[in-house]
Amino acid sequence: MRALAISARAALSADERREAGRLIRDALLSLPEVQMAGTVAVYYSIGSEPDTRGLVFALWKRGTYVLLPLLRPDGDLDWASYEGPESLVAGPKGLKEPGEAPRGAGAVASADVVLVPALAVDGQGNRLGRGGGSFDRALARVGPLIPVIALLYDSELVERVPVEGHDTPVRAVVRPGYGVTTCAGGIPGATARLCMLSSRISRVLI
């Protein structure tokens, strides 16, 4: 499943990734939980991921305290504040990371909303990542009521994702063509459609 998802993403053009990122940005910025958040933990996209650069910048410009991850040598994630595009420096594995002082691996627990990458998510919120476990470790530090939202392309909400013991589910996904979709457990009070009730769950990656 992971290889299929990576292959499908590689076939997307740069314009398609940018447009997906724009639609995802707009959907998230209109979500009340994001509008009210004082701190948002997010990631700076690379490669074929939906483009988050505009989202990160928009959150920062409107006064949100934005935390971006720093990949540590042991594969865990530290966090530091985003202070504009010029504050980013080259990190490992082609990543762009904030040049500000690290705040520690536990800083993600202070976020009011956490936005994470994924290759696929199922209706229970189980998330397929790239296999390194970095975000699973980070999500284990996030409180149970915090909205954790995965950013996907339209075909990446699937019927079933393989689950391992260390996996931490997300509470919702956002896709360019469908906006925010709440998974089992969901975001308390959210009005987004439920994953389990959606007739548009993709079978592409099954």
C-alpha atoms as a PDB file:
ATOM      1  CA  MET A   1       0.000   0.000   0.000  1.00  0.00           C
ATOM      2  CA  ARG A   2       2.791   2.416   0.865  1.00  0.00           C
ATOM      3  CA  ALA A   3       4.552   1.853  -2.465  1.00  0.00           C
ATOM      4  CA  LEU A   4       1.298   2.346  -4.401  1.00  0.00           C
ATOM      5  CA  ALA A   5       0.579   5.612  -2.613  1.00  0.00           C
ATOM      6  CA  ILE A   6       4.086   6.937  -3.233  1.00  0.00           C
ATOM      7  CA  SER A   7       3.858   5.952  -6.898  1.00  0.00           C
ATOM      8  CA  ALA A   8       0.485   7.661  -7.327  1.00  0.00           C
ATOM      9  CA  ARG A   9       1.817  10.836  -5.759  1.00  0.00           C
ATOM     10  CA  ALA A  10       4.891  10.813  -7.978  1.00  0.00           C
ATOM     11  CA  ALA A  11       2.609  10.969 -11.019  1.00  0.00           C
ATOM     12  CA  LEU A  12       1.125  14.306  -9.907  1.00  0.00           C
ATOM     13  CA  SER A  13       2.429  17.473 -11.510  1.00  0.00           C
ATOM     14  CA  ALA A  14       3.817  20.389  -9.525  1.00  0.00           C
ATOM     15  CA  ASP A  15       0.724  22.402 -10.463  1.00  0.00           C
ATOM     16  CA  GLU A  16      -1.561  19.655  -9.130  1.00  0.00           C
ATOM     17  CA  ARG A  17       0.336  19.569  -5.828  1.00  0.00           C
ATOM     18  CA  ARG A  18       0.156  23.344  -5.505  1.00  0.00           C
ATOM     19  CA  GLU A  19      -3.569  23.412  -6.245  1.00  0.00           C
ATOM     20  CA  ALA A  20      -4.175  20.627  -3.735  1.00  0.00           C
ATOM     21  CA  GLY A  21      -2.226  22.610  -1.175  1.00  0.00           C
ATOM     22  CA  ARG A  22      -4.262  25.749  -1.864  1.00  0.00           C
ATOM     23  CA  LEU A  23      -7.577  23.943  -1.411  1.00  0.00           C
ATOM     24  CA  ILE A  24      -6.362  22.194   1.742  1.00  0.00           C
ATOM     25  CA  ARG A  25      -5.130  25.521   3.116  1.00  0.00           C
ATOM     26  CA  ASP A  26      -8.490  27.184   2.520  1.00  0.00           C
ATOM     27  CA  ALA A  27     -10.407  24.299   4.095  1.00  0.00           C
ATOM     28  CA  LEU A  28      -8.248  24.320   7.203  1.00  0.00           C
ATOM     29  CA  LEU A  29      -8.226  28.086   7.628  1.00  0.00           C
ATOM     30  CA  SER A  30     -12.048  28.049   7.634  1.00  0.00           C
ATOM     31  CA  LEU A  31     -12.227  25.322  10.315  1.00  0.00           C
ATOM     32  CA  PRO A  32     -13.268  26.841  13.676  1.00  0.00           C
ATOM     33  CA  GLU A  33     -10.764  24.715  15.588  1.00  0.00           C
ATOM     34  CA  VAL A  34      -7.942  26.150  13.495  1.00  0.00           C
ATOM     35  CA  GLN A  35      -9.308  29.690  13.625  1.00  0.00           C
ATOM     36  CA  MET A  36      -9.366  29.585  17.440  1.00  0.00           C
ATOM     37  CA  ALA A  37      -6.008  27.849  17.858  1.00  0.00           C
ATOM     38  CA  GLY A  38      -3.263  29.856  19.502  1.00  0.00           C
ATOM     39  CA  THR A  39      -0.640  27.256  18.579  1.00  0.00           C
ATOM     40  CA  VAL A  40      -0.648  24.928  15.573  1.00  0.00           C
ATOM     41  CA  ALA A  41       1.907  22.171  15.038  1.00  0.00           C
ATOM     42  CA  VAL A  42       2.292  21.503  11.328  1.00  0.00           C
ATOM     43  CA  TYR A  43       4.983  20.328   8.903  1.00  0.00           C
ATOM     44  CA  TYR A  44       6.727  21.886   5.908  1.00  0.00           C
ATOM     45  CA  SER A  45       5.967  19.755   2.858  1.00  0.00           C
ATOM     46  CA  ILE A  46       8.613  18.267   0.592  1.00  0.00           C
ATOM     47  CA  GLY A  47       8.556  16.232  -2.601  1.00  0.00           C
ATOM     48  CA  SER A  48       5.142  14.971  -3.694  1.00  0.00           C
ATOM     49  CA  GLU A  49       3.313  15.833  -0.457  1.00  0.00           C
ATOM     50  CA  PRO A  50       0.363  18.247  -0.673  1.00  0.00           C
ATOM     51  CA  ASP A  51       1.967  21.689  -0.541  1.00  0.00           C
ATOM     52  CA  THR A  52       1.800  23.155   2.979  1.00  0.00           C
ATOM     53  CA  ARG A  53       4.039  26.179   2.434  1.00  0.00           C
ATOM     54  CA  GLY A  54       1.111  28.525   1.847  1.00  0.00           C
ATOM     55  CA  LEU A  55      -0.731  27.108   4.861  1.00  0.00           C
ATOM     56  CA  VAL A  56       2.254  27.570   7.166  1.00  0.00           C
ATOM     57  CA  PHE A  57       2.761  31.141   5.973  1.00  0.00           C
ATOM     58  CA  ALA A  58      -0.943  32.011   6.275  1.00  0.00           C
ATOM     59  CA  LEU A  59      -1.151  30.680   9.823  1.00  0.00           C
ATOM     60  CA  TRP A  60       1.930  32.669  10.831  1.00  0.00           C
ATOM     61  CA  LYS A  61       0.756  35.889   9.146  1.00  0.00           C
ATOM     62  CA  ARG A  62      -2.527  35.878  11.024  1.00  0.00           C
ATOM     63  CA  GLY A  63      -0.754  35.568  14.363  1.00  0.00           C
ATOM     64  CA  THR A  64      -0.880  31.847  15.087  1.00  0.00           C
ATOM     65  CA  TYR A  65       2.161  30.463  16.881  1.00  0.00           C
ATOM     66  CA  VAL A  66       3.406  27.858  14.405  1.00  0.00           C
ATOM     67  CA  LEU A  67       5.533  24.895  15.451  1.00  0.00           C
ATOM     68  CA  LEU A  68       7.479  22.931  12.839  1.00  0.00           C
ATOM     69  CA  PRO A  69       9.292  19.637  13.454  1.00  0.00           C
ATOM     70  CA  LEU A  70      13.030  19.085  13.675  1.00  0.00           C
ATOM     71  CA  LEU A  71      14.083  15.538  12.791  1.00  0.00           C
ATOM     72  CA  ARG A  72      16.468  14.243  15.461  1.00  0.00           C
ATOM     73  CA  PRO A  73      19.207  11.648  14.807  1.00  0.00           C
ATOM     74  CA  ASP A  74      17.183   8.992  16.650  1.00  0.00           C
ATOM     75  CA  GLY A  75      14.186   9.581  14.369  1.00  0.00           C
ATOM     76  CA  ASP A  76      12.125  11.393  17.005  1.00  0.00           C
ATOM     77  CA  LEU A  77      10.831  14.926  16.441  1.00  0.00           C
ATOM     78  CA  ASP A  78      11.840  18.079  18.246  1.00  0.00           C
ATOM     79  CA  TRP A  79       9.898  21.291  17.565  1.00  0.00           C
ATOM     80  CA  ALA A  80      10.754  24.952  16.964  1.00  0.00           C
ATOM     81  CA  SER A  81       8.839  28.068  16.004  1.00  0.00           C
ATOM     82  CA  TYR A  82       8.365  29.232  12.439  1.00  0.00           C
ATOM     83  CA  GLU A  83       9.269  32.903  12.053  1.00  0.00           C
ATOM     84  CA  GLY A  84       8.712  33.374   8.342  1.00  0.00           C
ATOM     85  CA  PRO A  85      10.228  31.815   5.197  1.00  0.00           C
ATOM     86  CA  GLU A  86      13.658  33.292   5.887  1.00  0.00           C
ATOM     87  CA  SER A  87      13.813  31.478   9.225  1.00  0.00           C
ATOM     88  CA  LEU A  88      14.011  28.056   7.536  1.00  0.00           C
ATOM     89  CA  VAL A  89      17.253  26.158   7.084  1.00  0.00           C
ATOM     90  CA  ALA A  90      18.200  22.927   5.332  1.00  0.00           C
ATOM     91  CA  GLY A  91      17.603  19.847   7.466  1.00  0.00           C
ATOM     92  CA  PRO A  92      18.258  16.130   7.047  1.00  0.00           C
ATOM     93  CA  LYS A  93      16.652  14.101   4.248  1.00  0.00           C
ATOM     94  CA  GLY A  94      15.850  17.185   2.199  1.00  0.00           C
ATOM     95  CA  LEU A  95      13.678  18.729   4.902  1.00  0.00           C
ATOM     96  CA  LYS A  96      13.265  22.447   5.556  1.00  0.00           C
ATOM     97  CA  GLU A  97      13.396  23.151   9.290  1.00  0.00           C
ATOM     98  CA  PRO A  98      13.121  26.270  11.460  1.00  0.00           C
ATOM     99  CA  GLY A  99      16.406  27.782  12.535  1.00  0.00           C
ATOM    100  CA  GLU A 100      14.991  28.867  15.894  1.00  0.00           C
ATOM    101  CA  ALA A 101      15.996  27.227  19.174  1.00  0.00           C
ATOM    102  CA  PRO A 102      14.479  23.751  19.707  1.00  0.00           C
ATOM    103  CA  ARG A 103      11.685  23.621  22.275  1.00  0.00           C
ATOM    104  CA  GLY A 104      11.911  19.897  22.997  1.00  0.00           C
ATOM    105  CA  ALA A 105      10.022  16.831  21.851  1.00  0.00           C
ATOM    106  CA  GLY A 106       7.214  17.577  24.300  1.00  0.00           C
ATOM    107  CA  ALA A 107       6.428  20.970  22.753  1.00  0.00           C
ATOM    108  CA  VAL A 108       3.890  19.374  20.439  1.00  0.00           C
ATOM    109  CA  ALA A 109       1.707  18.748  23.496  1.00  0.00           C
ATOM    110  CA  SER A 110       1.159  22.527  23.761  1.00  0.00           C
ATOM    111  CA  ALA A 111      -0.471  22.743  20.323  1.00  0.00           C
ATOM    112  CA  ASP A 112      -4.195  23.385  20.040  1.00  0.00           C
ATOM    113  CA  VAL A 113      -4.282  21.671  16.619  1.00  0.00           C
ATOM    114  CA  VAL A 114      -1.801  19.197  15.111  1.00  0.00           C
ATOM    115  CA  LEU A 115      -1.538  18.756  11.335  1.00  0.00           C
ATOM    116  CA  VAL A 116       0.346  15.677  10.155  1.00  0.00           C
ATOM    117  CA  PRO A 117       1.427  14.051   6.896  1.00  0.00           C
ATOM    118  CA  ALA A 118       0.048  10.705   5.772  1.00  0.00           C
ATOM    119  CA  LEU A 119       0.037   8.524   2.685  1.00  0.00           C
ATOM    120  CA  ALA A 120      -3.404   7.118   3.509  1.00  0.00           C
ATOM    121  CA  VAL A 121      -5.963   7.111   6.339  1.00  0.00           C
ATOM    122  CA  ASP A 122      -8.938   4.815   6.927  1.00  0.00           C
ATOM    123  CA  GLY A 123     -12.338   5.496   8.454  1.00  0.00           C
ATOM    124  CA  GLN A 124     -11.113   4.681  11.958  1.00  0.00           C
ATOM    125  CA  GLY A 125      -8.405   7.323  11.637  1.00  0.00           C
ATOM    126  CA  ASN A 126      -5.586   4.805  11.264  1.00  0.00           C
ATOM    127  CA  ARG A 127      -2.753   6.532   9.464  1.00  0.00           C
ATOM    128  CA  LEU A 128      -0.223   5.161   6.995  1.00  0.00           C
ATOM    129  CA  GLY A 129       3.024   7.114   7.148  1.00  0.00           C
ATOM    130  CA  ARG A 130       6.357   6.549   5.456  1.00  0.00           C
ATOM    131  CA  GLY A 131       7.423   3.929   7.979  1.00  0.00           C
ATOM    132  CA  GLY A 132       9.885   5.859  10.110  1.00  0.00           C
ATOM    133  CA  GLY A 133       7.568   6.247  13.108  1.00  0.00           C
ATOM    134  CA  SER A 134       8.580   9.857  13.797  1.00  0.00           C
ATOM    135  CA  PHE A 135       5.071  11.278  13.804  1.00  0.00           C
ATOM    136  CA  ASP A 136       3.680   8.283  15.685  1.00  0.00           C
ATOM    137  CA  ARG A 137       6.061   9.098  18.521  1.00  0.00           C
ATOM    138  CA  ALA A 138       5.070  12.752  18.381  1.00  0.00           C
ATOM    139  CA  LEU A 139       1.342  11.969  18.374  1.00  0.00           C
ATOM    140  CA  ALA A 140       1.742   9.781  21.447  1.00  0.00           C
ATOM    141  CA  ARG A 141       2.469  13.040  23.331  1.00  0.00           C
ATOM    142  CA  VAL A 142      -0.688  14.796  22.146  1.00  0.00           C
ATOM    143  CA  GLY A 143      -3.761  14.879  24.379  1.00  0.00           C
ATOM    144  CA  PRO A 144      -6.846  12.841  23.413  1.00  0.00           C
ATOM    145  CA  LEU A 145      -9.062  15.889  22.810  1.00  0.00           C
ATOM    146  CA  ILE A 146      -6.636  17.772  20.541  1.00  0.00           C
ATOM    147  CA  PRO A 147      -7.689  17.797  16.867  1.00  0.00           C
ATOM    148  CA  VAL A 148      -5.083  15.796  14.942  1.00  0.00           C
ATOM    149  CA  ILE A 149      -5.711  16.179  11.216  1.00  0.00           C
ATOM    150  CA  ALA A 150      -3.938  14.380   8.370  1.00  0.00           C
ATOM    151  CA  LEU A 151      -3.435  16.071   4.989  1.00  0.00           C
ATOM    152  CA  LEU A 152      -4.257  13.849   2.003  1.00  0.00           C
ATOM    153  CA  TYR A 153      -5.007  13.831  -1.685  1.00  0.00           C
ATOM    154  CA  ASP A 154      -8.562  12.908  -2.670  1.00  0.00           C
ATOM    155  CA  SER A 155      -7.948   9.194  -3.303  1.00  0.00           C
ATOM    156  CA  GLU A 156      -6.089   8.561  -0.040  1.00  0.00           C
ATOM    157  CA  LEU A 157      -9.039   8.081   2.332  1.00  0.00           C
ATOM    158  CA  VAL A 158      -9.315   4.297   2.136  1.00  0.00           C
ATOM    159  CA  GLU A 159     -11.260   1.432   3.690  1.00  0.00           C
ATOM    160  CA  ARG A 160      -8.438  -0.086   5.683  1.00  0.00           C
ATOM    161  CA  VAL A 161      -4.883   0.770   6.694  1.00  0.00           C
ATOM    162  CA  PRO A 162      -2.537  -1.791   8.307  1.00  0.00           C
ATOM    163  CA  VAL A 163      -2.188  -1.032  12.023  1.00  0.00           C
ATOM    164  CA  GLU A 164       0.771  -1.660  14.305  1.00  0.00           C
ATOM    165  CA  GLY A 165       0.929  -1.384  18.074  1.00  0.00           C
ATOM    166  CA  HIS A 166       2.673   1.995  18.108  1.00  0.00           C
ATOM    167  CA  ASP A 167       0.305   3.651  15.599  1.00  0.00           C
ATOM    168  CA  THR A 168      -1.715   6.629  16.816  1.00  0.00           C
ATOM    169  CA  PRO A 169      -4.940   7.434  14.916  1.00  0.00           C
ATOM    170  CA  VAL A 170      -5.870  10.874  13.639  1.00  0.00           C
ATOM    171  CA  ARG A 171      -9.220  12.505  14.366  1.00  0.00           C
ATOM    172  CA  ALA A 172      -9.871  13.891  10.878  1.00  0.00           C
ATOM    173  CA  VAL A 173      -8.460  14.253   7.379  1.00  0.00           C
ATOM    174  CA  VAL A 174      -8.518  17.125   4.913  1.00  0.00           C
ATOM    175  CA  ARG A 175      -8.545  16.579   1.154  1.00  0.00           C
ATOM    176  CA  PRO A 176      -8.561  19.152  -1.646  1.00  0.00           C
ATOM    177  CA  GLY A 177     -11.805  17.989  -3.241  1.00  0.00           C
ATOM    178  CA  TYR A 178     -13.772  17.211  -0.080  1.00  0.00           C
ATOM    179  CA  GLY A 179     -12.534  19.471   2.691  1.00  0.00           C
ATOM    180  CA  VAL A 180     -12.396  18.198   6.257  1.00  0.00           C
ATOM    181  CA  THR A 181     -13.722  14.703   7.010  1.00  0.00           C
ATOM    182  CA  THR A 182     -14.030  13.579  10.629  1.00  0.00           C
ATOM    183  CA  CYS A 183     -12.934  10.037  11.484  1.00  0.00           C
ATOM    184  CA  ALA A 184     -14.243   7.700  14.185  1.00  0.00           C
ATOM    185  CA  GLY A 185     -13.814   9.512  17.500  1.00  0.00           C
ATOM    186  CA  GLY A 186     -13.787  12.734  15.537  1.00  0.00           C
ATOM    187  CA  ILE A 187     -13.381  16.323  16.616  1.00  0.00           C
ATOM    188  CA  PRO A 188     -15.855  17.195  19.382  1.00  0.00           C
ATOM    189  CA  GLY A 189     -18.423  19.643  18.058  1.00  0.00           C
ATOM    190  CA  ALA A 190     -17.115  19.586  14.502  1.00  0.00           C
ATOM    191  CA  THR A 191     -19.608  19.716  11.665  1.00  0.00           C
ATOM    192  CA  ALA A 192     -17.430  17.963   9.082  1.00  0.00           C
ATOM    193  CA  ARG A 193     -18.740  14.780   7.463  1.00  0.00           C
ATOM    194  CA  LEU A 194     -17.893  11.467   9.107  1.00  0.00           C
ATOM    195  CA  CYS A 195     -15.415   9.124   7.451  1.00  0.00           C
ATOM    196  CA  MET A 196     -17.554   6.142   8.324  1.00  0.00           C
ATOM    197  CA  LEU A 197     -20.619   7.698   6.691  1.00  0.00           C
ATOM    198  CA  SER A 198     -18.889   8.938   3.551  1.00  0.00           C
ATOM    199  CA  SER A 199     -19.805   7.215   0.300  1.00  0.00           C
ATOM    200  CA  ARG A 200     -16.618   8.553  -1.263  1.00  0.00           C
ATOM    201  CA  ILE A 201     -14.041   6.465   0.588  1.00  0.00           C
ATOM    202  CA  SER A 202     -11.520   5.485  -2.055  1.00  0.00           C
ATOM    203  CA  ARG A 203     -10.703   1.911  -3.008  1.00  0.00           C
ATOM    204  CA  VAL A 204      -7.724   2.950  -5.120  1.00  0.00           C
ATOM    205  CA  LEU A 205      -5.079   1.850  -2.627  1.00  0.00           C
ATOM    206  CA  ILE A 206      -6.780  -1.303  -1.325  1.00  0.00           C
END
